[in-house]
């Protein structure tokens, strides 16, 4: 199984076997992260992997996720650093799935203050991971996701490769499964929007930038699988427009 295939079968794992992973595998995980490209430009990021196989790690509750390992993701503060980190986290999430391990996204606010910083970088998110008590994958149809018809506005009948990109985006996990993305599809472009949120709903959507980074990881992994050259850019002619119910994020444009 490769990263593209993992997009459609991975699931959030919350029950683990508390057994140690080999040092070779942990080294491979760290090396894989070190080789990942950022979503945009040059960001300074890092990870820490904490061994909790003996239940000795002092971290405040992770809701119901008790895992033998936690991967903490840190980034220096800059524009879109959370989106960039979501992009990196999803690639690691899929990599762990390919290695037969289970993983689950965990909110960064659950950890103690001592873990919120690493050098001059702040904690953005966490992946709980390890050997799963059950299968870390599921059948494609078992994921609870909105259909493309509810997520997309098609200006014309999309080509097969465009539907593959959108299908991968549709399968992206999001905090509380809110699936905040909406797409306007025309020719070789996907314009990505988020629904505007009421003030009393902002807490629910506070991880939205990370969510979009996760979704963009699925798009770019699929583009690589299909040998498509894709740019993620913000178009000024769209960003300057006002939309009553949606907010423009970025556009995925196929290079000719």
Protein backbone atom coordinates (compact mmCIF):
# COMPACT_ATOMS: atom_id res chain seq x y z
CA UNK A 1 0.00 0.00 0.00
CA UNK A 2 1.28 3.46 -0.90
CA UNK A 3 0.27 6.90 0.41
CA UNK A 4 -2.37 7.40 -2.27
CA UNK A 5 -4.04 4.06 -1.50
CA UNK A 6 -3.91 4.80 2.24
CA UNK A 7 -6.01 7.97 1.74
CA UNK A 8 -9.12 5.86 1.12
CA UNK A 9 -8.69 3.13 3.74
CA UNK A 10 -7.00 4.67 6.78
CA UNK A 11 -9.09 5.31 9.86
CA UNK A 12 -8.65 7.00 13.22
CA UNK A 13 -7.42 4.38 15.68
CA UNK A 14 -8.21 4.82 19.38
CA UNK A 15 -7.35 1.39 20.81
CA UNK A 16 -3.73 0.28 20.91
CA UNK A 17 -1.46 -2.51 21.99
CA UNK A 18 1.12 -1.07 24.39
CA UNK A 19 4.13 -2.73 22.81
CA UNK A 20 7.35 -0.95 21.85
CA UNK A 21 8.22 -0.34 18.22
CA UNK A 22 11.67 -1.25 16.95
CA UNK A 23 14.35 1.42 16.99
CA UNK A 24 14.78 0.88 13.26
CA UNK A 25 11.11 1.72 12.64
CA UNK A 26 11.22 4.79 14.90
CA UNK A 27 14.35 5.95 13.08
CA UNK A 28 12.58 5.42 9.74
CA UNK A 29 9.64 7.53 10.94
CA UNK A 30 11.92 10.38 11.97
CA UNK A 31 13.87 10.18 8.70
CA UNK A 32 10.67 10.24 6.65
CA UNK A 33 9.52 13.40 8.41
CA UNK A 34 12.88 15.09 7.88
CA UNK A 35 12.57 14.51 4.12
CA UNK A 36 9.04 15.90 3.72
CA UNK A 37 8.65 19.13 1.73
CA UNK A 38 6.64 21.98 3.21
CA UNK A 39 3.37 23.08 1.64
CA UNK A 40 4.57 26.64 1.15
CA UNK A 41 8.14 27.91 1.13
CA UNK A 42 10.61 27.55 3.94
CA UNK A 43 9.10 26.80 7.36
CA UNK A 44 11.06 25.76 10.41
CA UNK A 45 9.37 22.70 11.92
CA UNK A 46 10.28 19.73 14.09
CA UNK A 47 8.75 16.70 15.78
CA UNK A 48 9.21 14.96 19.10
CA UNK A 49 8.22 11.31 19.58
CA UNK A 50 7.27 10.37 23.13
CA UNK A 51 7.34 6.76 24.29
CA UNK A 52 4.32 5.97 26.49
CA UNK A 53 4.51 2.17 26.34
CA UNK A 54 4.92 2.04 30.12
CA UNK A 55 2.19 4.62 30.76
CA UNK A 56 4.76 6.99 32.22
CA UNK A 57 4.18 10.03 30.06
CA UNK A 58 2.64 12.89 32.03
CA UNK A 59 0.24 14.41 29.52
CA UNK A 60 -3.20 15.65 30.40
CA UNK A 61 -6.13 13.68 29.04
CA UNK A 62 -6.25 12.97 25.33
CA UNK A 63 -10.01 12.59 25.44
CA UNK A 64 -10.33 8.82 24.87
CA UNK A 65 -7.05 8.30 22.99
CA UNK A 66 -4.54 6.36 25.06
CA UNK A 67 -1.61 5.40 22.87
CA UNK A 68 1.88 3.90 23.28
CA UNK A 69 3.44 6.76 21.27
CA UNK A 70 2.70 10.41 20.60
CA UNK A 71 4.22 12.45 17.81
CA UNK A 72 4.24 16.18 18.64
CA UNK A 73 4.52 18.64 15.74
CA UNK A 74 6.17 22.03 16.27
CA UNK A 75 6.48 25.05 14.01
CA UNK A 76 7.90 28.54 14.19
CA UNK A 77 5.10 31.11 14.03
CA UNK A 78 4.48 32.47 10.54
CA UNK A 79 1.62 32.98 8.10
CA UNK A 80 -0.20 29.71 7.35
CA UNK A 81 2.10 27.72 9.62
CA UNK A 82 -0.88 25.70 10.88
CA UNK A 83 -1.95 24.83 7.34
CA UNK A 84 1.62 23.80 6.55
CA UNK A 85 1.72 21.62 9.66
CA UNK A 86 -1.60 19.95 8.79
CA UNK A 87 -0.03 19.15 5.42
CA UNK A 88 2.97 17.49 7.13
CA UNK A 89 0.86 15.73 9.76
CA UNK A 90 -1.38 14.07 7.18
CA UNK A 91 1.62 12.78 5.25
CA UNK A 92 2.96 11.23 8.45
CA UNK A 93 -0.49 9.87 9.28
CA UNK A 94 -0.65 8.09 5.91
CA UNK A 95 2.97 6.93 6.20
CA UNK A 96 2.18 5.27 9.55
CA UNK A 97 -0.82 3.56 7.95
CA UNK A 98 1.43 2.22 5.19
CA UNK A 99 3.67 0.77 7.90
CA UNK A 100 0.71 -1.12 9.39
CA UNK A 101 0.37 1.21 12.39
CA UNK A 102 -2.69 2.96 13.72
CA UNK A 103 -2.83 6.71 14.31
CA UNK A 104 -5.25 9.39 15.45
CA UNK A 105 -5.10 13.20 15.41
CA UNK A 106 -5.11 14.78 18.86
CA UNK A 107 -5.65 18.43 19.78
CA UNK A 108 -2.55 20.24 21.02
CA UNK A 109 -4.35 21.93 23.93
CA UNK A 110 -4.50 18.65 25.83
CA UNK A 111 -0.80 18.73 26.76
CA UNK A 112 0.94 20.43 29.64
CA UNK A 113 2.55 23.85 29.29
CA UNK A 114 6.04 22.32 29.32
CA UNK A 115 5.31 20.60 26.00
CA UNK A 116 3.73 23.58 24.26
CA UNK A 117 7.12 24.94 23.17
CA UNK A 118 10.24 23.44 21.63
CA UNK A 119 13.04 25.93 21.38
CA UNK A 120 11.34 28.93 19.72
CA UNK A 121 8.63 26.84 18.04
CA UNK A 122 5.12 26.20 19.32
CA UNK A 123 3.12 23.00 19.36
CA UNK A 124 0.60 22.81 16.51
CA UNK A 125 -0.79 19.27 16.70
CA UNK A 126 -0.29 15.69 17.86
CA UNK A 127 -0.59 12.22 16.35
CA UNK A 128 -1.24 9.34 18.72
CA UNK A 129 0.14 6.17 17.15
CA UNK A 130 1.28 2.60 17.66
CA UNK A 131 0.21 -1.00 17.05
CA UNK A 132 -3.55 -1.14 16.76
CA UNK A 133 -5.68 -3.69 18.62
CA UNK A 134 -7.68 -4.14 15.41
CA UNK A 135 -7.11 -3.39 11.77
CA UNK A 136 -5.84 0.18 11.17
CA UNK A 137 -7.70 0.27 7.84
CA UNK A 138 -11.32 0.00 6.68
CA UNK A 139 -13.23 -0.48 3.47
CA UNK A 140 -13.44 2.66 1.32
CA UNK A 141 -17.22 2.95 1.61
CA UNK A 142 -17.16 2.94 5.42
CA UNK A 143 -15.83 6.50 5.79
CA UNK A 144 -18.51 9.02 6.78
CA UNK A 145 -18.00 11.80 4.26
CA UNK A 146 -20.28 14.14 2.34
CA UNK A 147 -20.79 13.20 -1.33
CA UNK A 148 -18.99 15.23 -3.99
CA UNK A 149 -22.31 16.69 -5.13
CA UNK A 150 -22.67 18.47 -1.77
CA UNK A 151 -19.08 19.68 -1.70
CA UNK A 152 -18.61 20.81 -5.30
CA UNK A 153 -20.00 23.24 -7.82
CA UNK A 154 -19.10 21.97 -11.30
CA UNK A 155 -18.98 24.52 -14.10
CA UNK A 156 -18.64 21.66 -16.59
CA UNK A 157 -18.41 17.87 -16.54
CA UNK A 158 -15.11 17.12 -14.75
CA UNK A 159 -12.50 14.91 -16.32
CA UNK A 160 -11.58 11.58 -14.71
CA UNK A 161 -8.33 12.83 -13.16
CA UNK A 162 -10.15 15.86 -11.70
CA UNK A 163 -12.68 13.60 -10.00
CA UNK A 164 -9.79 11.57 -8.54
CA UNK A 165 -8.29 14.71 -7.01
CA UNK A 166 -11.65 15.74 -5.58
CA UNK A 167 -12.40 12.28 -4.27
CA UNK A 168 -9.09 12.27 -2.38
CA UNK A 169 -9.90 15.71 -0.97
CA UNK A 170 -13.34 14.45 0.10
CA UNK A 171 -11.76 11.64 2.12
CA UNK A 172 -9.57 14.01 4.19
CA UNK A 173 -10.17 13.75 7.94
CA UNK A 174 -11.11 16.93 9.81
CA UNK A 175 -11.63 17.88 13.46
CA UNK A 176 -15.02 16.56 14.59
CA UNK A 177 -15.52 15.52 10.93
CA UNK A 178 -16.75 19.04 10.10
CA UNK A 179 -15.53 18.81 6.46
CA UNK A 180 -15.30 22.61 6.09
CA UNK A 181 -14.17 22.63 2.43
CA UNK A 182 -16.25 23.55 -0.57
CA UNK A 183 -14.99 23.44 -4.17
CA UNK A 184 -15.79 25.33 -7.36
CA UNK A 185 -14.43 23.30 -10.27
CA UNK A 186 -13.79 24.70 -13.73
CA UNK A 187 -11.57 23.32 -16.48
CA UNK A 188 -8.17 22.56 -14.87
CA UNK A 189 -8.79 24.52 -11.65
CA UNK A 190 -10.21 23.75 -8.23
CA UNK A 191 -11.11 26.87 -6.26
CA UNK A 192 -11.24 26.02 -2.56
CA UNK A 193 -13.55 27.79 -0.12
CA UNK A 194 -14.65 27.44 3.48
CA UNK A 195 -18.11 28.18 4.77
CA UNK A 196 -18.33 31.37 6.83
CA UNK A 197 -18.93 30.66 10.49
CA UNK A 198 -21.09 32.37 13.07
CA UNK A 199 -19.28 33.87 16.04
CA UNK A 200 -20.74 31.29 18.44
CA UNK A 201 -19.36 28.47 16.25
CA UNK A 202 -15.77 29.70 16.06
CA UNK A 203 -14.53 27.33 18.78
CA UNK A 204 -15.69 24.37 16.68
CA UNK A 205 -13.67 25.63 13.72
CA UNK A 206 -10.49 26.78 15.46
CA UNK A 207 -8.44 23.94 13.90
CA UNK A 208 -9.69 24.81 10.44
CA UNK A 209 -6.32 25.88 9.04
CA UNK A 210 -4.84 22.53 10.09
CA UNK A 211 -7.83 20.78 8.50
CA UNK A 212 -7.19 22.47 5.17
CA UNK A 213 -3.52 21.49 5.30
CA UNK A 214 -4.61 17.88 5.76
CA UNK A 215 -6.94 18.12 2.77
CA UNK A 216 -4.28 19.74 0.57
CA UNK A 217 -1.93 16.87 1.44
CA UNK A 218 -4.47 14.45 -0.03
CA UNK A 219 -4.72 16.53 -3.21
CA UNK A 220 -0.95 16.77 -3.70
CA UNK A 221 -0.35 13.07 -2.97
CA UNK A 222 -3.00 12.20 -5.55
CA UNK A 223 -1.50 14.61 -8.08
CA UNK A 224 1.86 12.90 -7.61
CA UNK A 225 0.24 9.48 -8.05
CA UNK A 226 -1.37 10.64 -11.32
CA UNK A 227 1.78 12.41 -12.55
CA UNK A 228 0.03 15.77 -12.50
CA UNK A 229 1.89 19.02 -11.90
CA UNK A 230 -0.26 21.07 -9.51
CA UNK A 231 0.26 24.51 -8.00
CA UNK A 232 -1.52 25.70 -4.86
CA UNK A 233 -1.83 29.47 -5.17
CA UNK A 234 -4.06 32.30 -4.02
CA UNK A 235 -5.59 34.14 -6.97
CA UNK A 236 -5.96 37.87 -6.45
CA UNK A 237 -8.97 38.19 -8.74
CA UNK A 238 -10.88 35.79 -6.47
CA UNK A 239 -9.46 36.86 -3.11
CA UNK A 240 -10.61 40.45 -3.69
CA UNK A 241 -14.21 39.40 -4.24
CA UNK A 242 -16.78 39.25 -1.47
CA UNK A 243 -18.82 36.07 -1.07
CA UNK A 244 -21.89 36.11 1.21
CA UNK A 245 -21.62 32.57 2.57
CA UNK A 246 -18.08 31.43 1.82
CA UNK A 247 -14.49 32.53 2.25
CA UNK A 248 -11.85 31.89 -0.41
CA UNK A 249 -8.80 29.84 0.67
CA UNK A 250 -6.65 28.79 -2.31
CA UNK A 251 -6.81 27.37 -5.81
CA UNK A 252 -5.31 24.12 -7.07
CA UNK A 253 -4.27 24.71 -10.68
CA UNK A 254 -2.93 22.11 -13.08
CA UNK A 255 0.17 23.31 -14.93
CA UNK A 256 0.05 22.90 -18.69
